[in-house]
Amino acid sequence: MSWAGTGEAFAASYAALCAGTGERMREIAGPARGRTLLDVGAGDGTLAAQWLEAEWHVTAVEPEPSMREAAHARHPQLRLIDDGLPHLSLHDDSFDVVTANFVLNHVPDPRVAAAELRRVARGLVIATTWSASPTALWGDVIAGAGLTPAPARRLPVDKDFERTADGFGRMLADAGWHAEVTELSWTWHADPEALWRSVAGGVAGAGAFYLTLPDADRERFRSAFDALVVERADDGRMPMTQTAAIAVDRLG
């Protein structure tokens, strides 16, 4: 899945959803106490900025130019560098805490990437993945529009992992982690127009699918989305319950 050029659309939509793990991650890490933190795959910088506000010394890493542009525009105080998995240009044991929020589910080799996160940490590594798809809504839209969904893109069998808390833990164990894995569920009350911006901007699988459609099918897609909003919206917002697996490896 390509994230090229999606920075603004992501920042206006799913960045708020992905930030739903932030409070739990900060609870796990504890008070800053002058410690350093590396946020890998920082996207538009939403979570990295929250760590910074909590008085951590933060370095944010993001390889996609449009994401970095969105992060610079919204959080100019962030130290943001062009780098990314699977191989970070950083020394071993460089940071007290290393985080990767919904990153390992998007890399071509999750085990290699997970081992790299551990390499640059000296105290704590925290990573998350979805254990229930955050995009089920778009499956309902596609069905309502009478369209045929694109085939699911999966990693090769030897690279993939089961998208559950247990499956996440097993994959991390393969990568050398001694992980404690828990789950977190929350309800995201999404702005329908922000959701639409994500699709029109090509964000994630639904957006990539939408951009392949001819104009007539795009109109059917939009009509089905609008109908679903009428059916499900509560006080102008779309309540969407999400579940994430949160893995922690305590190195020292």
C-alpha atoms as a PDB file:
ATOM      1  CA  MET A   1       0.000   0.000   0.000  1.00  0.00           C
ATOM      2  CA  SER A   2       1.428   3.377  -1.016  1.00  0.00           C
ATOM      3  CA  TRP A   3       1.088   6.384   1.299  1.00  0.00           C
ATOM      4  CA  ALA A   4       2.638   8.743  -1.253  1.00  0.00           C
ATOM      5  CA  GLY A   5       0.965  12.147  -1.260  1.00  0.00           C
ATOM      6  CA  THR A   6      -1.589  11.299   1.441  1.00  0.00           C
ATOM      7  CA  GLY A   7      -0.178  13.414   4.284  1.00  0.00           C
ATOM      8  CA  GLU A   8      -2.832  16.147   4.349  1.00  0.00           C
ATOM      9  CA  ALA A   9      -5.735  13.725   3.875  1.00  0.00           C
ATOM     10  CA  PHE A  10      -4.400  11.495   6.669  1.00  0.00           C
ATOM     11  CA  ALA A  11      -3.820  14.443   9.003  1.00  0.00           C
ATOM     12  CA  ALA A  12      -7.408  15.596   8.445  1.00  0.00           C
ATOM     13  CA  SER A  13      -8.912  12.173   9.141  1.00  0.00           C
ATOM     14  CA  TYR A  14      -7.287   8.999  10.457  1.00  0.00           C
ATOM     15  CA  ALA A  15      -4.567  10.756  12.450  1.00  0.00           C
ATOM     16  CA  ALA A  16      -7.189  11.354  15.149  1.00  0.00           C
ATOM     17  CA  LEU A  17      -8.158   7.682  15.144  1.00  0.00           C
ATOM     18  CA  CYS A  18      -4.575   6.453  15.407  1.00  0.00           C
ATOM     19  CA  ALA A  19      -3.972   8.815  18.318  1.00  0.00           C
ATOM     20  CA  GLY A  20      -6.485   6.785  20.339  1.00  0.00           C
ATOM     21  CA  THR A  21      -3.640   4.636  21.704  1.00  0.00           C
ATOM     22  CA  GLY A  22      -1.586   7.598  22.879  1.00  0.00           C
ATOM     23  CA  GLU A  23      -2.820   7.895  26.454  1.00  0.00           C
ATOM     24  CA  ARG A  24      -2.313   4.170  27.129  1.00  0.00           C
ATOM     25  CA  MET A  25       1.184   4.257  25.641  1.00  0.00           C
ATOM     26  CA  ARG A  26       2.166   7.199  27.828  1.00  0.00           C
ATOM     27  CA  GLU A  27       0.796   5.403  30.892  1.00  0.00           C
ATOM     28  CA  ILE A  28       2.986   2.408  30.036  1.00  0.00           C
ATOM     29  CA  ALA A  29       6.089   4.562  29.617  1.00  0.00           C
ATOM     30  CA  GLY A  30       5.490   6.574  32.790  1.00  0.00           C
ATOM     31  CA  PRO A  31       6.693  10.144  33.464  1.00  0.00           C
ATOM     32  CA  ALA A  32       9.316  11.576  31.142  1.00  0.00           C
ATOM     33  CA  ARG A  33      11.951  12.365  33.784  1.00  0.00           C
ATOM     34  CA  GLY A  34      14.241  13.781  31.102  1.00  0.00           C
ATOM     35  CA  ARG A  35      14.163  10.625  28.966  1.00  0.00           C
ATOM     36  CA  THR A  36      14.505  10.434  25.189  1.00  0.00           C
ATOM     37  CA  LEU A  37      11.886   8.967  22.859  1.00  0.00           C
ATOM     38  CA  LEU A  38      11.972   7.936  19.212  1.00  0.00           C
ATOM     39  CA  ASP A  39       8.629   7.788  17.380  1.00  0.00           C
ATOM     40  CA  VAL A  40       9.056   5.679  14.241  1.00  0.00           C
ATOM     41  CA  GLY A  41       6.571   6.150  11.422  1.00  0.00           C
ATOM     42  CA  ALA A  42       5.340   9.367  12.999  1.00  0.00           C
ATOM     43  CA  GLY A  43       2.941  10.299  10.199  1.00  0.00           C
ATOM     44  CA  ASP A  44       1.624  13.819  10.670  1.00  0.00           C
ATOM     45  CA  GLY A  45       3.297  14.051  14.092  1.00  0.00           C
ATOM     46  CA  THR A  46       0.143  13.970  16.231  1.00  0.00           C
ATOM     47  CA  LEU A  47       1.412  11.409  18.753  1.00  0.00           C
ATOM     48  CA  ALA A  48       4.997  12.664  18.720  1.00  0.00           C
ATOM     49  CA  ALA A  49       3.720  16.141  19.610  1.00  0.00           C
ATOM     50  CA  GLN A  50       1.748  14.686  22.527  1.00  0.00           C
ATOM     51  CA  TRP A  51       4.917  13.008  23.859  1.00  0.00           C
ATOM     52  CA  LEU A  52       6.682  16.352  23.496  1.00  0.00           C
ATOM     53  CA  GLU A  53       3.937  18.095  25.471  1.00  0.00           C
ATOM     54  CA  ALA A  54       4.448  15.460  28.186  1.00  0.00           C
ATOM     55  CA  GLU A  55       8.065  16.737  28.436  1.00  0.00           C
ATOM     56  CA  TRP A  56       9.838  13.920  26.609  1.00  0.00           C
ATOM     57  CA  HIS A  57      12.879  14.669  24.435  1.00  0.00           C
ATOM     58  CA  VAL A  58      11.346  13.516  21.164  1.00  0.00           C
ATOM     59  CA  THR A  59      12.770  12.576  17.785  1.00  0.00           C
ATOM     60  CA  ALA A  60      10.178  11.720  15.135  1.00  0.00           C
ATOM     61  CA  VAL A  61      11.059   9.569  12.106  1.00  0.00           C
ATOM     62  CA  GLU A  62       8.912   9.565   8.954  1.00  0.00           C
ATOM     63  CA  PRO A  63       9.923   8.479   5.418  1.00  0.00           C
ATOM     64  CA  GLU A  64       6.941   9.858   3.442  1.00  0.00           C
ATOM     65  CA  PRO A  65       7.502  13.494   2.312  1.00  0.00           C
ATOM     66  CA  SER A  66       3.829  14.497   2.400  1.00  0.00           C
ATOM     67  CA  MET A  67       3.529  13.229   5.980  1.00  0.00           C
ATOM     68  CA  ARG A  68       6.606  15.224   6.993  1.00  0.00           C
ATOM     69  CA  GLU A  69       5.141  18.308   5.347  1.00  0.00           C
ATOM     70  CA  ALA A  70       1.912  17.863   7.315  1.00  0.00           C
ATOM     71  CA  ALA A  71       3.910  17.346  10.530  1.00  0.00           C
ATOM     72  CA  HIS A  72       6.069  20.434   9.955  1.00  0.00           C
ATOM     73  CA  ALA A  73       2.974  22.540   9.276  1.00  0.00           C
ATOM     74  CA  ARG A  74       1.146  21.383  12.409  1.00  0.00           C
ATOM     75  CA  HIS A  75       4.014  20.790  14.829  1.00  0.00           C
ATOM     76  CA  PRO A  76       6.986  22.975  13.857  1.00  0.00           C
ATOM     77  CA  GLN A  77       8.557  22.353  17.256  1.00  0.00           C
ATOM     78  CA  LEU A  78       9.112  18.643  16.493  1.00  0.00           C
ATOM     79  CA  ARG A  79      12.542  17.271  15.665  1.00  0.00           C
ATOM     80  CA  LEU A  80      11.591  15.366  12.524  1.00  0.00           C
ATOM     81  CA  ILE A  81      13.964  13.380  10.340  1.00  0.00           C
ATOM     82  CA  ASP A  82      13.636  11.576   7.021  1.00  0.00           C
ATOM     83  CA  ASP A  83      14.250   7.952   7.959  1.00  0.00           C
ATOM     84  CA  GLY A  84      12.274   4.761   8.252  1.00  0.00           C
ATOM     85  CA  LEU A  85      12.088   1.017   8.569  1.00  0.00           C
ATOM     86  CA  PRO A  86      13.341  -1.577   7.879  1.00  0.00           C
ATOM     87  CA  HIS A  87      16.782  -0.073   8.559  1.00  0.00           C
ATOM     88  CA  LEU A  88      17.102   3.090  10.649  1.00  0.00           C
ATOM     89  CA  SER A  89      20.242   5.205  10.314  1.00  0.00           C
ATOM     90  CA  LEU A  90      20.571   5.401  14.108  1.00  0.00           C
ATOM     91  CA  HIS A  91      23.017   3.855  16.565  1.00  0.00           C
ATOM     92  CA  ASP A  92      22.257   0.878  18.787  1.00  0.00           C
ATOM     93  CA  ASP A  93      20.670   1.712  22.166  1.00  0.00           C
ATOM     94  CA  SER A  94      20.099   5.341  21.158  1.00  0.00           C
ATOM     95  CA  PHE A  95      16.780   6.078  22.907  1.00  0.00           C
ATOM     96  CA  ASP A  96      15.237   5.360  26.268  1.00  0.00           C
ATOM     97  CA  VAL A  97      11.880   4.589  24.651  1.00  0.00           C
ATOM     98  CA  VAL A  98      11.030   3.672  21.051  1.00  0.00           C
ATOM     99  CA  THR A  99       7.442   3.683  19.758  1.00  0.00           C
ATOM    100  CA  ALA A 100       5.851   2.542  16.503  1.00  0.00           C
ATOM    101  CA  ASN A 101       2.116   3.212  16.402  1.00  0.00           C
ATOM    102  CA  PHE A 102       0.323   1.213  13.660  1.00  0.00           C
ATOM    103  CA  VAL A 103       3.537   0.835  11.686  1.00  0.00           C
ATOM    104  CA  LEU A 104       4.433  -2.871  11.773  1.00  0.00           C
ATOM    105  CA  ASN A 105       1.171  -3.707   9.982  1.00  0.00           C
ATOM    106  CA  HIS A 106       2.343  -1.627   6.990  1.00  0.00           C
ATOM    107  CA  VAL A 107       5.926  -2.813   6.425  1.00  0.00           C
ATOM    108  CA  PRO A 108       7.004  -5.543   3.978  1.00  0.00           C
ATOM    109  CA  ASP A 109       8.830  -7.570   6.641  1.00  0.00           C
ATOM    110  CA  PRO A 110       7.340  -7.012  10.120  1.00  0.00           C
ATOM    111  CA  ARG A 111       9.898  -9.188  11.928  1.00  0.00           C
ATOM    112  CA  VAL A 112      12.904  -7.377  10.500  1.00  0.00           C
ATOM    113  CA  ALA A 113      11.264  -4.035  11.297  1.00  0.00           C
ATOM    114  CA  ALA A 114      10.373  -5.103  14.846  1.00  0.00           C
ATOM    115  CA  ALA A 115      13.951  -6.228  15.490  1.00  0.00           C
ATOM    116  CA  GLU A 116      15.180  -2.839  14.261  1.00  0.00           C
ATOM    117  CA  LEU A 117      12.930  -1.017  16.748  1.00  0.00           C
ATOM    118  CA  ARG A 118      14.453  -3.099  19.514  1.00  0.00           C
ATOM    119  CA  ARG A 119      18.004  -2.442  18.292  1.00  0.00           C
ATOM    120  CA  VAL A 120      17.793   1.340  18.726  1.00  0.00           C
ATOM    121  CA  ALA A 121      16.091   1.171  22.161  1.00  0.00           C
ATOM    122  CA  ARG A 122      17.814   0.859  25.512  1.00  0.00           C
ATOM    123  CA  GLY A 123      14.844   0.813  27.870  1.00  0.00           C
ATOM    124  CA  LEU A 124      11.395   0.245  26.445  1.00  0.00           C
ATOM    125  CA  VAL A 125       9.817  -0.531  23.072  1.00  0.00           C
ATOM    126  CA  ILE A 126       6.097  -0.060  22.427  1.00  0.00           C
ATOM    127  CA  ALA A 127       4.365  -1.067  19.192  1.00  0.00           C
ATOM    128  CA  THR A 128       0.728  -1.290  18.175  1.00  0.00           C
ATOM    129  CA  THR A 129      -1.323  -2.911  15.454  1.00  0.00           C
ATOM    130  CA  TRP A 130      -5.005  -3.252  14.684  1.00  0.00           C
ATOM    131  CA  SER A 131      -6.502  -6.462  16.029  1.00  0.00           C
ATOM    132  CA  ALA A 132      -9.897  -5.503  14.557  1.00  0.00           C
ATOM    133  CA  SER A 133      -9.948  -3.696  11.228  1.00  0.00           C
ATOM    134  CA  PRO A 134     -10.522   0.058  11.492  1.00  0.00           C
ATOM    135  CA  THR A 135     -11.874   0.128   7.949  1.00  0.00           C
ATOM    136  CA  ALA A 136     -14.925  -2.140   8.219  1.00  0.00           C
ATOM    137  CA  LEU A 137     -17.076   0.917   7.462  1.00  0.00           C
ATOM    138  CA  TRP A 138     -15.716   1.066   3.931  1.00  0.00           C
ATOM    139  CA  GLY A 139     -16.590  -2.558   3.310  1.00  0.00           C
ATOM    140  CA  ASP A 140     -20.188  -1.640   4.119  1.00  0.00           C
ATOM    141  CA  VAL A 141     -19.994   1.333   1.752  1.00  0.00           C
ATOM    142  CA  ILE A 142     -18.621  -0.807  -1.076  1.00  0.00           C
ATOM    143  CA  ALA A 143     -21.364  -3.391  -0.527  1.00  0.00           C
ATOM    144  CA  GLY A 144     -24.017  -0.675  -0.406  1.00  0.00           C
ATOM    145  CA  ALA A 145     -22.741   0.736  -3.682  1.00  0.00           C
ATOM    146  CA  GLY A 146     -22.931  -2.688  -5.312  1.00  0.00           C
ATOM    147  CA  LEU A 147     -19.221  -2.623  -6.145  1.00  0.00           C
ATOM    148  CA  THR A 148     -16.751  -5.494  -6.118  1.00  0.00           C
ATOM    149  CA  PRO A 149     -14.053  -4.909  -3.507  1.00  0.00           C
ATOM    150  CA  ALA A 150     -10.409  -5.107  -4.475  1.00  0.00           C
ATOM    151  CA  PRO A 151      -8.693  -8.353  -3.424  1.00  0.00           C
ATOM    152  CA  ALA A 152      -7.092  -8.063  -0.003  1.00  0.00           C
ATOM    153  CA  ARG A 153      -3.376  -7.437  -0.218  1.00  0.00           C
ATOM    154  CA  ARG A 154      -1.467  -9.763   2.075  1.00  0.00           C
ATOM    155  CA  LEU A 155       2.191 -10.260   2.736  1.00  0.00           C
ATOM    156  CA  PRO A 156       3.863 -13.512   1.662  1.00  0.00           C
ATOM    157  CA  VAL A 157       3.082 -16.307   4.108  1.00  0.00           C
ATOM    158  CA  ASP A 158       6.592 -16.299   5.567  1.00  0.00           C
ATOM    159  CA  LYS A 159       6.392 -12.545   6.254  1.00  0.00           C
ATOM    160  CA  ASP A 160       2.783 -12.137   7.405  1.00  0.00           C
ATOM    161  CA  PHE A 161       1.341 -12.567  10.887  1.00  0.00           C
ATOM    162  CA  GLU A 162      -2.102 -13.262  12.301  1.00  0.00           C
ATOM    163  CA  ARG A 163      -3.826  -9.940  12.925  1.00  0.00           C
ATOM    164  CA  THR A 164      -4.785 -10.694  16.527  1.00  0.00           C
ATOM    165  CA  ALA A 165      -3.164  -9.856  19.855  1.00  0.00           C
ATOM    166  CA  ASP A 166      -1.782 -13.406  20.085  1.00  0.00           C
ATOM    167  CA  GLY A 167      -0.588 -13.355  16.497  1.00  0.00           C
ATOM    168  CA  PHE A 168       1.119 -10.005  17.045  1.00  0.00           C
ATOM    169  CA  GLY A 169       2.871 -11.416  20.112  1.00  0.00           C
ATOM    170  CA  ARG A 170       4.095 -14.476  18.222  1.00  0.00           C
ATOM    171  CA  MET A 171       5.474 -12.362  15.390  1.00  0.00           C
ATOM    172  CA  LEU A 172       7.309 -10.135  17.868  1.00  0.00           C
ATOM    173  CA  ALA A 173       8.728 -13.180  19.642  1.00  0.00           C
ATOM    174  CA  ASP A 174      10.144 -14.294  16.283  1.00  0.00           C
ATOM    175  CA  ALA A 175      11.831 -10.876  16.106  1.00  0.00           C
ATOM    176  CA  GLY A 176      13.469 -11.306  19.508  1.00  0.00           C
ATOM    177  CA  TRP A 177      10.965  -9.385  21.626  1.00  0.00           C
ATOM    178  CA  HIS A 178       9.880 -10.461  25.107  1.00  0.00           C
ATOM    179  CA  ALA A 179       6.544  -8.786  24.649  1.00  0.00           C
ATOM    180  CA  GLU A 180       3.586  -8.223  26.912  1.00  0.00           C
ATOM    181  CA  VAL A 181       0.571  -7.745  24.634  1.00  0.00           C
ATOM    182  CA  THR A 182      -2.740  -6.247  25.732  1.00  0.00           C
ATOM    183  CA  GLU A 183      -5.735  -4.929  23.837  1.00  0.00           C
ATOM    184  CA  LEU A 184      -7.386  -1.539  23.935  1.00  0.00           C
ATOM    185  CA  SER A 185     -10.874  -0.753  22.589  1.00  0.00           C
ATOM    186  CA  TRP A 186     -12.342   2.708  22.180  1.00  0.00           C
ATOM    187  CA  THR A 187     -14.995   4.485  20.160  1.00  0.00           C
ATOM    188  CA  TRP A 188     -13.896   7.088  17.662  1.00  0.00           C
ATOM    189  CA  HIS A 189     -16.569   9.681  16.929  1.00  0.00           C
ATOM    190  CA  ALA A 190     -15.546  10.615  13.412  1.00  0.00           C
ATOM    191  CA  ASP A 191     -16.518  13.663  11.425  1.00  0.00           C
ATOM    192  CA  PRO A 192     -18.156  12.268   8.246  1.00  0.00           C
ATOM    193  CA  GLU A 193     -16.526  14.905   6.086  1.00  0.00           C
ATOM    194  CA  ALA A 194     -13.110  13.995   7.491  1.00  0.00           C
ATOM    195  CA  LEU A 195     -13.816  10.368   6.645  1.00  0.00           C
ATOM    196  CA  TRP A 196     -14.687  11.379   3.117  1.00  0.00           C
ATOM    197  CA  ARG A 197     -11.483  13.405   2.809  1.00  0.00           C
ATOM    198  CA  SER A 198      -9.526  10.285   3.706  1.00  0.00           C
ATOM    199  CA  VAL A 199     -11.049   8.331   0.829  1.00  0.00           C
ATOM    200  CA  ALA A 200     -10.886  11.148  -1.700  1.00  0.00           C
ATOM    201  CA  GLY A 201      -7.254  11.682  -0.673  1.00  0.00           C
ATOM    202  CA  GLY A 202      -6.304   8.051  -1.278  1.00  0.00           C
ATOM    203  CA  VAL A 203      -5.653   7.097   2.359  1.00  0.00           C
ATOM    204  CA  ALA A 204      -5.235   3.381   3.128  1.00  0.00           C
ATOM    205  CA  GLY A 205      -6.911   0.560   1.217  1.00  0.00           C
ATOM    206  CA  ALA A 206     -10.303   2.231   0.867  1.00  0.00           C
ATOM    207  CA  GLY A 207      -8.781   5.381  -0.566  1.00  0.00           C
ATOM    208  CA  ALA A 208      -6.583   3.448  -2.978  1.00  0.00           C
ATOM    209  CA  PHE A 209      -9.669   1.513  -4.135  1.00  0.00           C
ATOM    210  CA  TYR A 210     -11.757   4.673  -4.565  1.00  0.00           C
ATOM    211  CA  LEU A 211      -9.108   6.329  -6.736  1.00  0.00           C
ATOM    212  CA  THR A 212      -9.215   3.383  -9.178  1.00  0.00           C
ATOM    213  CA  LEU A 213     -12.952   3.786  -9.813  1.00  0.00           C
ATOM    214  CA  PRO A 214     -14.478   5.435 -12.889  1.00  0.00           C
ATOM    215  CA  ASP A 215     -16.626   8.514 -12.280  1.00  0.00           C
ATOM    216  CA  ALA A 216     -19.946   6.650 -12.301  1.00  0.00           C
ATOM    217  CA  ASP A 217     -18.760   4.205  -9.655  1.00  0.00           C
ATOM    218  CA  ARG A 218     -17.329   7.036  -7.582  1.00  0.00           C
ATOM    219  CA  GLU A 219     -20.801   8.587  -7.545  1.00  0.00           C
ATOM    220  CA  ARG A 220     -22.310   5.279  -6.377  1.00  0.00           C
ATOM    221  CA  PHE A 221     -19.620   5.039  -3.708  1.00  0.00           C
ATOM    222  CA  ARG A 222     -20.393   8.568  -2.469  1.00  0.00           C
ATOM    223  CA  SER A 223     -24.139   7.923  -2.452  1.00  0.00           C
ATOM    224  CA  ALA A 224     -23.661   4.734  -0.422  1.00  0.00           C
ATOM    225  CA  PHE A 225     -21.424   6.592   2.027  1.00  0.00           C
ATOM    226  CA  ASP A 226     -23.982   9.381   2.455  1.00  0.00           C
ATOM    227  CA  ALA A 227     -26.742   6.824   3.072  1.00  0.00           C
ATOM    228  CA  LEU A 228     -24.630   5.120   5.726  1.00  0.00           C
ATOM    229  CA  VAL A 229     -23.993   8.446   7.445  1.00  0.00           C
ATOM    230  CA  VAL A 230     -27.737   9.102   7.609  1.00  0.00           C
ATOM    231  CA  GLU A 231     -28.262   5.631   9.062  1.00  0.00           C
ATOM    232  CA  ARG A 232     -25.455   5.610  11.631  1.00  0.00           C
ATOM    233  CA  ALA A 233     -24.509   9.159  12.558  1.00  0.00           C
ATOM    234  CA  ASP A 234     -25.103  10.259  16.134  1.00  0.00           C
ATOM    235  CA  ASP A 235     -25.303  14.021  16.628  1.00  0.00           C
ATOM    236  CA  GLY A 236     -23.463  14.524  13.352  1.00  0.00           C
ATOM    237  CA  ARG A 237     -20.658  12.076  14.128  1.00  0.00           C
ATOM    238  CA  MET A 238     -19.982   8.495  13.092  1.00  0.00           C
ATOM    239  CA  PRO A 239     -19.285   6.293  16.155  1.00  0.00           C
ATOM    240  CA  MET A 240     -16.729   3.642  15.196  1.00  0.00           C
ATOM    241  CA  THR A 241     -15.482   1.144  17.787  1.00  0.00           C
ATOM    242  CA  GLN A 242     -11.835   0.168  17.328  1.00  0.00           C
ATOM    243  CA  THR A 243      -9.540  -2.434  18.895  1.00  0.00           C
ATOM    244  CA  ALA A 244      -5.759  -2.318  18.921  1.00  0.00           C
ATOM    245  CA  ALA A 245      -3.093  -4.658  20.260  1.00  0.00           C
ATOM    246  CA  ILE A 246      -0.374  -2.875  22.264  1.00  0.00           C
ATOM    247  CA  ALA A 247       2.940  -4.692  22.729  1.00  0.00           C
ATOM    248  CA  VAL A 248       5.625  -3.707  25.245  1.00  0.00           C
ATOM    249  CA  ASP A 249       9.175  -5.016  25.561  1.00  0.00           C
ATOM    250  CA  ARG A 250      11.077  -3.831  28.643  1.00  0.00           C
ATOM    251  CA  LEU A 251      14.771  -4.021  27.864  1.00  0.00           C
ATOM    252  CA  GLY A 252      16.233  -2.623  31.038  1.00  0.00           C
END
